[in-house]
Protein backbone atom coordinates (compact mmCIF):
# COMPACT_ATOMS: atom_id res chain seq x y z
CA UNK A 1 0.00 0.00 0.00
CA UNK A 2 1.42 3.35 -0.94
CA UNK A 3 0.61 6.66 0.57
CA UNK A 4 0.14 9.87 -1.32
CA UNK A 5 2.75 12.58 -1.00
CA UNK A 6 0.28 15.35 -1.65
CA UNK A 7 -0.37 17.92 1.02
CA UNK A 8 -3.74 19.65 1.00
CA UNK A 9 -3.46 22.95 -0.78
CA UNK A 10 -4.14 26.28 0.85
CA UNK A 11 -7.28 26.58 -1.24
CA UNK A 12 -8.62 23.36 0.30
CA UNK A 13 -8.20 24.81 3.79
CA UNK A 14 -9.70 28.10 2.64
CA UNK A 15 -12.69 26.25 1.23
CA UNK A 16 -13.15 24.38 4.52
CA UNK A 17 -13.02 27.68 6.40
CA UNK A 18 -15.55 29.30 4.09
CA UNK A 19 -17.94 26.35 4.44
CA UNK A 20 -17.66 26.52 8.23
CA UNK A 21 -18.24 30.26 8.27
CA UNK A 22 -21.26 29.99 5.98
CA UNK A 23 -22.80 27.26 8.15
CA UNK A 24 -22.11 29.33 11.26
CA UNK A 25 -23.66 32.47 9.77
CA UNK A 26 -26.75 30.60 8.59
CA UNK A 27 -27.27 29.03 12.00
CA UNK A 28 -26.66 32.37 13.72
CA UNK A 29 -29.23 34.09 11.50
CA UNK A 30 -31.84 31.34 11.87
CA UNK A 31 -31.50 31.12 15.64
CA UNK A 32 -30.67 34.81 16.29
CA UNK A 33 -27.78 33.64 18.47
CA UNK A 34 -24.14 34.11 17.52
CA UNK A 35 -22.86 31.53 20.00
CA UNK A 36 -24.93 28.79 18.36
CA UNK A 37 -23.49 29.84 15.00
CA UNK A 38 -19.96 29.51 16.34
CA UNK A 39 -20.82 26.16 17.93
CA UNK A 40 -22.16 24.94 14.56
CA UNK A 41 -19.36 26.31 12.35
CA UNK A 42 -16.22 25.46 14.34
CA UNK A 43 -16.66 21.67 14.42
CA UNK A 44 -17.47 21.73 10.73
CA UNK A 45 -14.08 23.30 9.95
CA UNK A 46 -12.30 20.92 12.34
CA UNK A 47 -13.90 17.83 10.81
CA UNK A 48 -13.21 18.89 7.22
CA UNK A 49 -9.56 19.75 7.96
CA UNK A 50 -9.13 16.50 9.89
CA UNK A 51 -10.54 14.49 7.01
CA UNK A 52 -8.23 16.28 4.57
CA UNK A 53 -5.21 15.46 6.71
CA UNK A 54 -6.33 11.85 7.12
CA UNK A 55 -6.92 11.47 3.38
CA UNK A 56 -3.48 12.85 2.47
CA UNK A 57 -1.47 10.98 5.09
CA UNK A 58 -1.66 13.45 7.94
CA UNK A 59 1.02 15.75 6.65
CA UNK A 60 3.71 13.59 8.21
CA UNK A 61 6.77 12.54 6.32
CA UNK A 62 7.70 8.92 5.92
CA UNK A 63 11.09 7.44 6.70
CA UNK A 64 13.91 8.58 4.45
CA UNK A 65 16.05 5.70 3.27
CA UNK A 66 19.36 6.37 1.54
PDB file of N, CA and C in Angstrom:
ATOM      1  N   UNK A   1       0.844  -1.166   0.000  1.00  0.00           N
ATOM      2  CA  UNK A   1       0.000   0.000   0.000  1.00  0.00           C
ATOM      3  C   UNK A   1       0.894   1.234   0.000  1.00  0.00           C
ATOM      4  N   UNK A   2       0.635   2.122  -0.882  1.00  0.00           N
ATOM      5  CA  UNK A   2       1.419   3.353  -0.941  1.00  0.00           C
ATOM      6  C   UNK A   2       0.601   4.508  -0.405  1.00  0.00           C
ATOM      7  N   UNK A   3       1.297   5.480   0.070  1.00  0.00           N
ATOM      8  CA  UNK A   3       0.606   6.661   0.570  1.00  0.00           C
ATOM      9  C   UNK A   3       0.879   7.811  -0.368  1.00  0.00           C
ATOM     10  N   UNK A   4      -0.043   8.743  -0.426  1.00  0.00           N
ATOM     11  CA  UNK A   4       0.144   9.873  -1.315  1.00  0.00           C
ATOM     12  C   UNK A   4       1.075  10.878  -0.672  1.00  0.00           C
ATOM     13  N   UNK A   5       1.835  11.556  -1.494  1.00  0.00           N
ATOM     14  CA  UNK A   5       2.746  12.581  -1.002  1.00  0.00           C
ATOM     15  C   UNK A   5       2.196  13.973  -1.242  1.00  0.00           C
ATOM     16  N   UNK A   6       0.897  14.063  -1.373  1.00  0.00           N
ATOM     17  CA  UNK A   6       0.279  15.347  -1.651  1.00  0.00           C
ATOM     18  C   UNK A   6      -0.229  15.964  -0.358  1.00  0.00           C
ATOM     19  N   UNK A   7       0.165  17.193  -0.117  1.00  0.00           N
ATOM     20  CA  UNK A   7      -0.374  17.922   1.018  1.00  0.00           C
ATOM     21  C   UNK A   7      -1.599  18.686   0.540  1.00  0.00           C
ATOM     22  N   UNK A   8      -2.581  18.863   1.408  1.00  0.00           N
ATOM     23  CA  UNK A   8      -3.742  19.648   0.996  1.00  0.00           C
ATOM     24  C   UNK A   8      -3.303  21.077   0.667  1.00  0.00           C
ATOM     25  N   UNK A   9      -3.850  21.606  -0.381  1.00  0.00           N
ATOM     26  CA  UNK A   9      -3.461  22.950  -0.782  1.00  0.00           C
ATOM     27  C   UNK A   9      -4.092  23.984   0.134  1.00  0.00           C
ATOM     28  N   UNK A  10      -3.582  25.189   0.048  1.00  0.00           N
ATOM     29  CA  UNK A  10      -4.139  26.279   0.845  1.00  0.00           C
ATOM     30  C   UNK A  10      -5.585  26.553   0.456  1.00  0.00           C
ATOM     31  N   UNK A  11      -5.897  26.339  -0.808  1.00  0.00           N
ATOM     32  CA  UNK A  11      -7.275  26.581  -1.237  1.00  0.00           C
ATOM     33  C   UNK A  11      -8.234  25.562  -0.621  1.00  0.00           C
ATOM     34  N   UNK A  12      -7.763  24.356  -0.350  1.00  0.00           N
ATOM     35  CA  UNK A  12      -8.620  23.359   0.300  1.00  0.00           C
ATOM     36  C   UNK A  12      -8.944  23.792   1.730  1.00  0.00           C
ATOM     37  N   UNK A  13      -7.947  24.312   2.441  1.00  0.00           N
ATOM     38  CA  UNK A  13      -8.195  24.806   3.794  1.00  0.00           C
ATOM     39  C   UNK A  13      -9.068  26.056   3.767  1.00  0.00           C
ATOM     40  N   UNK A  14      -8.859  26.904   2.765  1.00  0.00           N
ATOM     41  CA  UNK A  14      -9.697  28.102   2.644  1.00  0.00           C
ATOM     42  C   UNK A  14     -11.145  27.715   2.364  1.00  0.00           C
ATOM     43  N   UNK A  15     -11.341  26.726   1.522  1.00  0.00           N
ATOM     44  CA  UNK A  15     -12.691  26.252   1.230  1.00  0.00           C
ATOM     45  C   UNK A  15     -13.354  25.692   2.481  1.00  0.00           C
ATOM     46  N   UNK A  16     -12.607  24.925   3.270  1.00  0.00           N
ATOM     47  CA  UNK A  16     -13.147  24.383   4.518  1.00  0.00           C
ATOM     48  C   UNK A  16     -13.537  25.508   5.464  1.00  0.00           C
ATOM     49  N   UNK A  17     -12.710  26.537   5.529  1.00  0.00           N
ATOM     50  CA  UNK A  17     -13.018  27.677   6.401  1.00  0.00           C
ATOM     51  C   UNK A  17     -14.266  28.405   5.936  1.00  0.00           C
ATOM     52  N   UNK A  18     -14.382  28.603   4.631  1.00  0.00           N
ATOM     53  CA  UNK A  18     -15.554  29.303   4.091  1.00  0.00           C
ATOM     54  C   UNK A  18     -16.826  28.498   4.359  1.00  0.00           C
ATOM     55  N   UNK A  19     -16.765  27.193   4.172  1.00  0.00           N
ATOM     56  CA  UNK A  19     -17.937  26.351   4.436  1.00  0.00           C
ATOM     57  C   UNK A  19     -18.345  26.456   5.903  1.00  0.00           C
ATOM     58  N   UNK A  20     -17.367  26.399   6.807  1.00  0.00           N
ATOM     59  CA  UNK A  20     -17.664  26.517   8.228  1.00  0.00           C
ATOM     60  C   UNK A  20     -18.251  27.863   8.598  1.00  0.00           C
ATOM     61  N   UNK A  21     -17.717  28.920   8.000  1.00  0.00           N
ATOM     62  CA  UNK A  21     -18.239  30.264   8.273  1.00  0.00           C
ATOM     63  C   UNK A  21     -19.660  30.404   7.750  1.00  0.00           C
ATOM     64  N   UNK A  22     -19.916  29.899   6.556  1.00  0.00           N
ATOM     65  CA  UNK A  22     -21.262  29.990   5.982  1.00  0.00           C
ATOM     66  C   UNK A  22     -22.267  29.223   6.853  1.00  0.00           C
ATOM     67  N   UNK A  23     -21.899  28.023   7.273  1.00  0.00           N
ATOM     68  CA  UNK A  23     -22.802  27.260   8.147  1.00  0.00           C
ATOM     69  C   UNK A  23     -23.034  28.010   9.444  1.00  0.00           C
ATOM     70  N   UNK A  24     -21.976  28.566  10.018  1.00  0.00           N
ATOM     71  CA  UNK A  24     -22.109  29.326  11.261  1.00  0.00           C
ATOM     72  C   UNK A  24     -22.995  30.541  11.107  1.00  0.00           C
ATOM     73  N   UNK A  25     -22.840  31.272  10.005  1.00  0.00           N
ATOM     74  CA  UNK A  25     -23.663  32.466   9.773  1.00  0.00           C
ATOM     75  C   UNK A  25     -25.124  32.087   9.572  1.00  0.00           C
ATOM     76  N   UNK A  26     -25.371  31.032   8.812  1.00  0.00           N
ATOM     77  CA  UNK A  26     -26.752  30.605   8.587  1.00  0.00           C
ATOM     78  C   UNK A  26     -27.413  30.196   9.906  1.00  0.00           C
ATOM     79  N   UNK A  27     -26.709  29.429  10.707  1.00  0.00           N
ATOM     80  CA  UNK A  27     -27.271  29.026  12.001  1.00  0.00           C
ATOM     81  C   UNK A  27     -27.479  30.241  12.896  1.00  0.00           C
ATOM     82  N   UNK A  28     -26.532  31.170  12.896  1.00  0.00           N
ATOM     83  CA  UNK A  28     -26.664  32.370  13.721  1.00  0.00           C
ATOM     84  C   UNK A  28     -27.858  33.214  13.292  1.00  0.00           C
ATOM     85  N   UNK A  29     -28.087  33.306  11.989  1.00  0.00           N
ATOM     86  CA  UNK A  29     -29.232  34.088  11.500  1.00  0.00           C
ATOM     87  C   UNK A  29     -30.549  33.383  11.838  1.00  0.00           C
ATOM     88  N   UNK A  30     -30.596  32.069  11.624  1.00  0.00           N
ATOM     89  CA  UNK A  30     -31.839  31.342  11.872  1.00  0.00           C
ATOM     90  C   UNK A  30     -32.216  31.302  13.356  1.00  0.00           C
ATOM     91  N   UNK A  31     -31.210  31.226  14.216  1.00  0.00           N
ATOM     92  CA  UNK A  31     -31.497  31.125  15.643  1.00  0.00           C
ATOM     93  C   UNK A  31     -31.382  32.462  16.371  1.00  0.00           C
ATOM     94  N   UNK A  32     -30.905  33.492  15.692  1.00  0.00           N
ATOM     95  CA  UNK A  32     -30.669  34.809  16.294  1.00  0.00           C
ATOM     96  C   UNK A  32     -29.707  34.716  17.479  1.00  0.00           C
ATOM     97  N   UNK A  33     -28.745  33.812  17.394  1.00  0.00           N
ATOM     98  CA  UNK A  33     -27.780  33.635  18.475  1.00  0.00           C
ATOM     99  C   UNK A  33     -26.410  33.346  17.863  1.00  0.00           C
ATOM    100  N   UNK A  34     -25.471  34.244  18.111  1.00  0.00           N
ATOM    101  CA  UNK A  34     -24.140  34.113  17.521  1.00  0.00           C
ATOM    102  C   UNK A  34     -23.402  32.905  18.095  1.00  0.00           C
ATOM    103  N   UNK A  35     -23.566  32.644  19.375  1.00  0.00           N
ATOM    104  CA  UNK A  35     -22.862  31.531  19.998  1.00  0.00           C
ATOM    105  C   UNK A  35     -23.252  30.201  19.343  1.00  0.00           C
ATOM    106  N   UNK A  36     -24.518  30.020  19.041  1.00  0.00           N
ATOM    107  CA  UNK A  36     -24.934  28.786  18.364  1.00  0.00           C
ATOM    108  C   UNK A  36     -24.321  28.692  16.967  1.00  0.00           C
ATOM    109  N   UNK A  37     -24.150  29.837  16.309  1.00  0.00           N
ATOM    110  CA  UNK A  37     -23.490  29.844  15.002  1.00  0.00           C
ATOM    111  C   UNK A  37     -22.043  29.416  15.099  1.00  0.00           C
ATOM    112  N   UNK A  38     -21.357  29.904  16.132  1.00  0.00           N
ATOM    113  CA  UNK A  38     -19.961  29.510  16.338  1.00  0.00           C
ATOM    114  C   UNK A  38     -19.878  28.027  16.696  1.00  0.00           C
ATOM    115  N   UNK A  39     -20.802  27.572  17.535  1.00  0.00           N
ATOM    116  CA  UNK A  39     -20.823  26.161  17.930  1.00  0.00           C
ATOM    117  C   UNK A  39     -21.088  25.271  16.716  1.00  0.00           C
ATOM    118  N   UNK A  40     -21.866  25.732  15.762  1.00  0.00           N
ATOM    119  CA  UNK A  40     -22.157  24.939  14.562  1.00  0.00           C
ATOM    120  C   UNK A  40     -21.022  24.998  13.548  1.00  0.00           C
ATOM    121  N   UNK A  41     -20.380  26.144  13.392  1.00  0.00           N
ATOM    122  CA  UNK A  41     -19.364  26.312  12.354  1.00  0.00           C
ATOM    123  C   UNK A  41     -18.000  25.746  12.699  1.00  0.00           C
ATOM    124  N   UNK A  42     -17.579  25.883  13.949  1.00  0.00           N
ATOM    125  CA  UNK A  42     -16.225  25.460  14.335  1.00  0.00           C
ATOM    126  C   UNK A  42     -15.998  23.950  14.169  1.00  0.00           C
ATOM    127  N   UNK A  43     -16.901  23.099  14.636  1.00  0.00           N
ATOM    128  CA  UNK A  43     -16.661  21.667  14.423  1.00  0.00           C
ATOM    129  C   UNK A  43     -16.668  21.282  12.951  1.00  0.00           C
ATOM    130  N   UNK A  44     -17.429  22.004  12.167  1.00  0.00           N
ATOM    131  CA  UNK A  44     -17.466  21.731  10.730  1.00  0.00           C
ATOM    132  C   UNK A  44     -16.074  21.926  10.122  1.00  0.00           C
ATOM    133  N   UNK A  45     -15.431  23.032  10.453  1.00  0.00           N
ATOM    134  CA  UNK A  45     -14.085  23.299   9.950  1.00  0.00           C
ATOM    135  C   UNK A  45     -13.123  22.236  10.472  1.00  0.00           C
ATOM    136  N   UNK A  46     -13.213  21.902  11.751  1.00  0.00           N
ATOM    137  CA  UNK A  46     -12.304  20.924  12.342  1.00  0.00           C
ATOM    138  C   UNK A  46     -12.449  19.550  11.688  1.00  0.00           C
ATOM    139  N   UNK A  47     -13.670  19.145  11.426  1.00  0.00           N
ATOM    140  CA  UNK A  47     -13.900  17.831  10.813  1.00  0.00           C
ATOM    141  C   UNK A  47     -13.390  17.804   9.377  1.00  0.00           C
ATOM    142  N   UNK A  48     -13.663  18.853   8.612  1.00  0.00           N
ATOM    143  CA  UNK A  48     -13.213  18.890   7.217  1.00  0.00           C
ATOM    144  C   UNK A  48     -11.690  18.888   7.140  1.00  0.00           C
ATOM    145  N   UNK A  49     -11.028  19.704   7.971  1.00  0.00           N
ATOM    146  CA  UNK A  49      -9.559  19.746   7.963  1.00  0.00           C
ATOM    147  C   UNK A  49      -8.985  18.414   8.423  1.00  0.00           C
ATOM    148  N   UNK A  50      -9.597  17.808   9.439  1.00  0.00           N
ATOM    149  CA  UNK A  50      -9.134  16.502   9.894  1.00  0.00           C
ATOM    150  C   UNK A  50      -9.261  15.430   8.825  1.00  0.00           C
ATOM    151  N   UNK A  51     -10.362  15.450   8.098  1.00  0.00           N
ATOM    152  CA  UNK A  51     -10.536  14.486   7.008  1.00  0.00           C
ATOM    153  C   UNK A  51      -9.533  14.719   5.881  1.00  0.00           C
ATOM    154  N   UNK A  52      -9.226  15.993   5.599  1.00  0.00           N
ATOM    155  CA  UNK A  52      -8.226  16.285   4.572  1.00  0.00           C
ATOM    156  C   UNK A  52      -6.859  15.760   4.986  1.00  0.00           C
ATOM    157  N   UNK A  53      -6.505  15.950   6.230  1.00  0.00           N
ATOM    158  CA  UNK A  53      -5.208  15.460   6.706  1.00  0.00           C
ATOM    159  C   UNK A  53      -5.167  13.933   6.718  1.00  0.00           C
ATOM    160  N   UNK A  54      -6.267  13.307   7.113  1.00  0.00           N
ATOM    161  CA  UNK A  54      -6.333  11.853   7.121  1.00  0.00           C
ATOM    162  C   UNK A  54      -6.219  11.296   5.700  1.00  0.00           C
ATOM    163  N   UNK A  55      -6.902  11.934   4.763  1.00  0.00           N
ATOM    164  CA  UNK A  55      -6.917  11.473   3.379  1.00  0.00           C
ATOM    165  C   UNK A  55      -5.540  11.579   2.731  1.00  0.00           C
ATOM    166  N   UNK A  56      -4.775  12.619   3.106  1.00  0.00           N
ATOM    167  CA  UNK A  56      -3.482  12.848   2.468  1.00  0.00           C
ATOM    168  C   UNK A  56      -2.321  12.317   3.287  1.00  0.00           C
ATOM    169  N   UNK A  57      -2.564  11.559   4.320  1.00  0.00           N
ATOM    170  CA  UNK A  57      -1.472  10.977   5.087  1.00  0.00           C
ATOM    171  C   UNK A  57      -1.114  11.758   6.330  1.00  0.00           C
ATOM    172  N   UNK A  58      -1.884  12.721   6.706  1.00  0.00           N
ATOM    173  CA  UNK A  58      -1.662  13.447   7.936  1.00  0.00           C
ATOM    174  C   UNK A  58      -0.588  14.515   7.894  1.00  0.00           C
ATOM    175  N   UNK A  59      -0.015  14.735   6.740  1.00  0.00           N
ATOM    176  CA  UNK A  59       1.016  15.754   6.646  1.00  0.00           C
ATOM    177  C   UNK A  59       2.344  15.339   7.259  1.00  0.00           C
ATOM    178  N   UNK A  60       2.466  14.068   7.641  1.00  0.00           N
ATOM    179  CA  UNK A  60       3.715  13.587   8.208  1.00  0.00           C
ATOM    180  C   UNK A  60       4.584  13.047   7.096  1.00  0.00           C
ATOM    181  N   UNK A  61       5.856  13.080   7.320  1.00  0.00           N
ATOM    182  CA  UNK A  61       6.768  12.537   6.319  1.00  0.00           C
ATOM    183  C   UNK A  61       7.124  11.113   6.683  1.00  0.00           C
ATOM    184  N   UNK A  62       7.309  10.306   5.697  1.00  0.00           N
ATOM    185  CA  UNK A  62       7.695   8.921   5.920  1.00  0.00           C
ATOM    186  C   UNK A  62       9.184   8.806   6.183  1.00  0.00           C
ATOM    187  N   UNK A  63       9.656   7.625   6.464  1.00  0.00           N
ATOM    188  CA  UNK A  63      11.094   7.445   6.703  1.00  0.00           C
ATOM    189  C   UNK A  63      11.891   7.678   5.429  1.00  0.00           C
ATOM    190  N   UNK A  64      13.039   8.291   5.600  1.00  0.00           N
ATOM    191  CA  UNK A  64      13.907   8.581   4.450  1.00  0.00           C
ATOM    192  C   UNK A  64      15.025   7.529   4.425  1.00  0.00           C
ATOM    193  N   UNK A  65      15.009   6.732   3.395  1.00  0.00           N
ATOM    194  CA  UNK A  65      16.047   5.699   3.267  1.00  0.00           C
ATOM    195  C   UNK A  65      17.068   6.162   2.244  1.00  0.00           C
ATOM    196  N   UNK A  66      18.320   5.939   2.509  1.00  0.00           N
ATOM    197  CA  UNK A  66      19.361   6.370   1.543  1.00  0.00           C
ATOM    198  C   UNK A  66      19.361   5.561   0.275  1.00  0.00           C
TER     199      UNK A  66
END
